[in-house]
C-alpha atoms as a PDB file:
ATOM      1  CA  MET A   1      31.978   6.843  11.627  1.00  0.00           C
ATOM      2  CA  ARG A   2      28.746   8.821  11.292  1.00  0.00           C
ATOM      3  CA  PRO A   3      25.698   7.176   9.771  1.00  0.00           C
ATOM      4  CA  GLN A   4      24.747   8.532   6.379  1.00  0.00           C
ATOM      5  CA  LYS A   5      21.566  10.526   6.160  1.00  0.00           C
ATOM      6  CA  GLN A   6      18.958   8.772   4.047  1.00  0.00           C
ATOM      7  CA  THR A   7      16.456  10.731   2.029  1.00  0.00           C
ATOM      8  CA  PRO A   8      12.996   9.352   1.297  1.00  0.00           C
ATOM      9  CA  VAL A   9      12.359   8.080  -2.206  1.00  0.00           C
ATOM     10  CA  ASP A  10       9.548   9.760  -4.119  1.00  0.00           C
ATOM     11  CA  TYR A  11       7.898   7.354  -6.568  1.00  0.00           C
ATOM     12  CA  THR A  12       5.420   9.964  -7.832  1.00  0.00           C
ATOM     13  CA  GLY A  13       5.272   9.764 -11.600  1.00  0.00           C
ATOM     14  CA  VAL A  14       7.560   6.727 -11.791  1.00  0.00           C
ATOM     15  CA  ALA A  15       6.359   3.883 -13.993  1.00  0.00           C
ATOM     16  CA  LEU A  16       6.339   0.790 -11.823  1.00  0.00           C
ATOM     17  CA  ASP A  17       6.781  -2.709 -13.226  1.00  0.00           C
ATOM     18  CA  THR A  18       3.395  -3.954 -12.069  1.00  0.00           C
ATOM     19  CA  PRO A  19       1.590  -6.898 -13.571  1.00  0.00           C
ATOM     20  CA  THR A  20      -1.352  -6.036 -15.812  1.00  0.00           C
ATOM     21  CA  ILE A  21      -4.098  -5.869 -13.202  1.00  0.00           C
ATOM     22  CA  ASP A  22      -7.181  -3.706 -13.443  1.00  0.00           C
ATOM     23  CA  LEU A  23      -7.003  -2.271  -9.941  1.00  0.00           C
ATOM     24  CA  GLU A  24     -10.176  -0.210 -10.384  1.00  0.00           C
ATOM     25  CA  SER A  25     -12.222  -3.294 -11.331  1.00  0.00           C
ATOM     26  CA  CYS A  26     -10.858  -5.191  -8.349  1.00  0.00           C
ATOM     27  CA  LEU A  27     -11.651  -2.211  -6.115  1.00  0.00           C
ATOM     28  CA  ARG A  28     -15.272  -2.109  -7.343  1.00  0.00           C
ATOM     29  CA  GLU A  29     -15.896  -5.868  -7.443  1.00  0.00           C
ATOM     30  CA  ARG A  30     -14.219  -6.878  -4.185  1.00  0.00           C
ATOM     31  CA  PHE A  31     -14.638  -3.784  -2.012  1.00  0.00           C
ATOM     32  CA  GLY A  32     -17.603  -1.942  -3.552  1.00  0.00           C
ATOM     33  CA  LEU A  33     -15.612   1.293  -3.860  1.00  0.00           C
ATOM     34  CA  ASP A  34     -15.569   3.662  -6.840  1.00  0.00           C
ATOM     35  CA  ARG A  35     -12.124   5.202  -6.425  1.00  0.00           C
ATOM     36  CA  PHE A  36      -8.930   5.078  -4.407  1.00  0.00           C
ATOM     37  CA  ARG A  37      -8.280   7.544  -1.612  1.00  0.00           C
ATOM     38  CA  PRO A  38      -5.186   9.768  -1.838  1.00  0.00           C
ATOM     39  CA  GLY A  39      -1.997   7.694  -1.631  1.00  0.00           C
ATOM     40  CA  GLN A  40      -3.639   4.265  -1.800  1.00  0.00           C
ATOM     41  CA  ARG A  41      -2.969   3.526  -5.461  1.00  0.00           C
ATOM     42  CA  GLU A  42       0.707   4.517  -5.151  1.00  0.00           C
ATOM     43  CA  VAL A  43       1.169   2.215  -2.146  1.00  0.00           C
ATOM     44  CA  ILE A  44      -0.635  -0.663  -3.870  1.00  0.00           C
ATOM     45  CA  GLU A  45       1.418  -0.283  -7.059  1.00  0.00           C
ATOM     46  CA  THR A  46       4.630  -0.218  -5.017  1.00  0.00           C
ATOM     47  CA  VAL A  47       3.640  -3.426  -3.206  1.00  0.00           C
ATOM     48  CA  LEU A  48       2.634  -5.128  -6.466  1.00  0.00           C
ATOM     49  CA  ALA A  49       5.978  -4.144  -8.002  1.00  0.00           C
ATOM     50  CA  GLY A  50       7.686  -6.135  -5.243  1.00  0.00           C
ATOM     51  CA  ARG A  51       9.257  -3.127  -3.573  1.00  0.00           C
ATOM     52  CA  ASP A  52       9.477  -2.681   0.184  1.00  0.00           C
ATOM     53  CA  CYS A  53       6.870  -0.246   1.391  1.00  0.00           C
ATOM     54  CA  LEU A  54       6.199   1.622   4.627  1.00  0.00           C
ATOM     55  CA  CYS A  55       2.771   3.224   4.673  1.00  0.00           C
ATOM     56  CA  VAL A  56       2.103   5.703   7.480  1.00  0.00           C
ATOM     57  CA  MET A  57      -1.368   7.191   7.197  1.00  0.00           C
ATOM     58  CA  PRO A  58      -3.854   8.584   9.726  1.00  0.00           C
ATOM     59  CA  THR A  59      -6.701   6.521  11.151  1.00  0.00           C
ATOM     60  CA  GLY A  60      -9.538   6.199   8.668  1.00  0.00           C
ATOM     61  CA  SER A  61      -7.447   6.932   5.579  1.00  0.00           C
ATOM     62  CA  GLY A  62      -7.706   3.437   4.098  1.00  0.00           C
ATOM     63  CA  LYS A  63      -4.460   1.718   5.088  1.00  0.00           C
ATOM     64  CA  SER A  64      -6.124  -1.699   5.238  1.00  0.00           C
ATOM     65  CA  LEU A  65      -6.973  -1.612   1.539  1.00  0.00           C
ATOM     66  CA  CYS A  66      -3.281  -1.004   0.791  1.00  0.00           C
ATOM     67  CA  TYR A  67      -2.448  -4.557   1.868  1.00  0.00           C
ATOM     68  CA  GLN A  68      -5.803  -6.294   1.363  1.00  0.00           C
ATOM     69  CA  LEU A  69      -6.078  -5.587  -2.372  1.00  0.00           C
ATOM     70  CA  PRO A  70      -2.525  -6.759  -3.217  1.00  0.00           C
ATOM     71  CA  ALA A  71      -3.092  -9.872  -1.096  1.00  0.00           C
ATOM     72  CA  LEU A  72      -6.157 -10.703  -3.204  1.00  0.00           C
ATOM     73  CA  VAL A  73      -4.453 -10.347  -6.582  1.00  0.00           C
ATOM     74  CA  GLN A  74      -1.045 -11.880  -5.773  1.00  0.00           C
ATOM     75  CA  GLU A  75      -0.046 -15.439  -5.072  1.00  0.00           C
ATOM     76  CA  GLY A  76       1.609 -16.248  -1.770  1.00  0.00           C
ATOM     77  CA  GLY A  77       1.372 -14.589   1.602  1.00  0.00           C
ATOM     78  CA  MET A  78       1.721 -11.074   2.866  1.00  0.00           C
ATOM     79  CA  LEU A  79       3.217  -9.892   6.162  1.00  0.00           C
ATOM     80  CA  VAL A  80       1.594  -6.841   7.748  1.00  0.00           C
ATOM     81  CA  ILE A  81       2.910  -5.268  10.946  1.00  0.00           C
ATOM     82  CA  SER A  82       0.246  -3.238  12.707  1.00  0.00           C
ATOM     83  CA  PRO A  83       0.646  -1.332  15.990  1.00  0.00           C
ATOM     84  CA  LEU A  84      -2.842  -2.320  17.172  1.00  0.00           C
ATOM     85  CA  ILE A  85      -2.133  -1.994  20.914  1.00  0.00           C
ATOM     86  CA  ALA A  86      -0.753   1.521  20.454  1.00  0.00           C
ATOM     87  CA  LEU A  87      -3.823   2.419  18.400  1.00  0.00           C
ATOM     88  CA  MET A  88      -6.165   1.055  21.072  1.00  0.00           C
ATOM     89  CA  LYS A  89      -4.478   3.223  23.714  1.00  0.00           C
ATOM     90  CA  ASP A  90      -5.120   6.339  21.593  1.00  0.00           C
END
């Protein structure tokens, strides 16, 4: 039996069931930033909607904010898997 090919899901333009949180205010107050970088808001909204999320972005693109901001506004814990050793070797 051959494995089925999976296609990535594109959430662009999809209304996510996120709690009413002013993400921009949190971004300014907690991180001192004026706006999200490309892709950050979509990742954060996906996480806040309770969906599984894999975020692959280049170094310096703001991946850390994608889990730090949701961790601040949600109750409970957050598991982040980071390939730090591989990054250090680069």
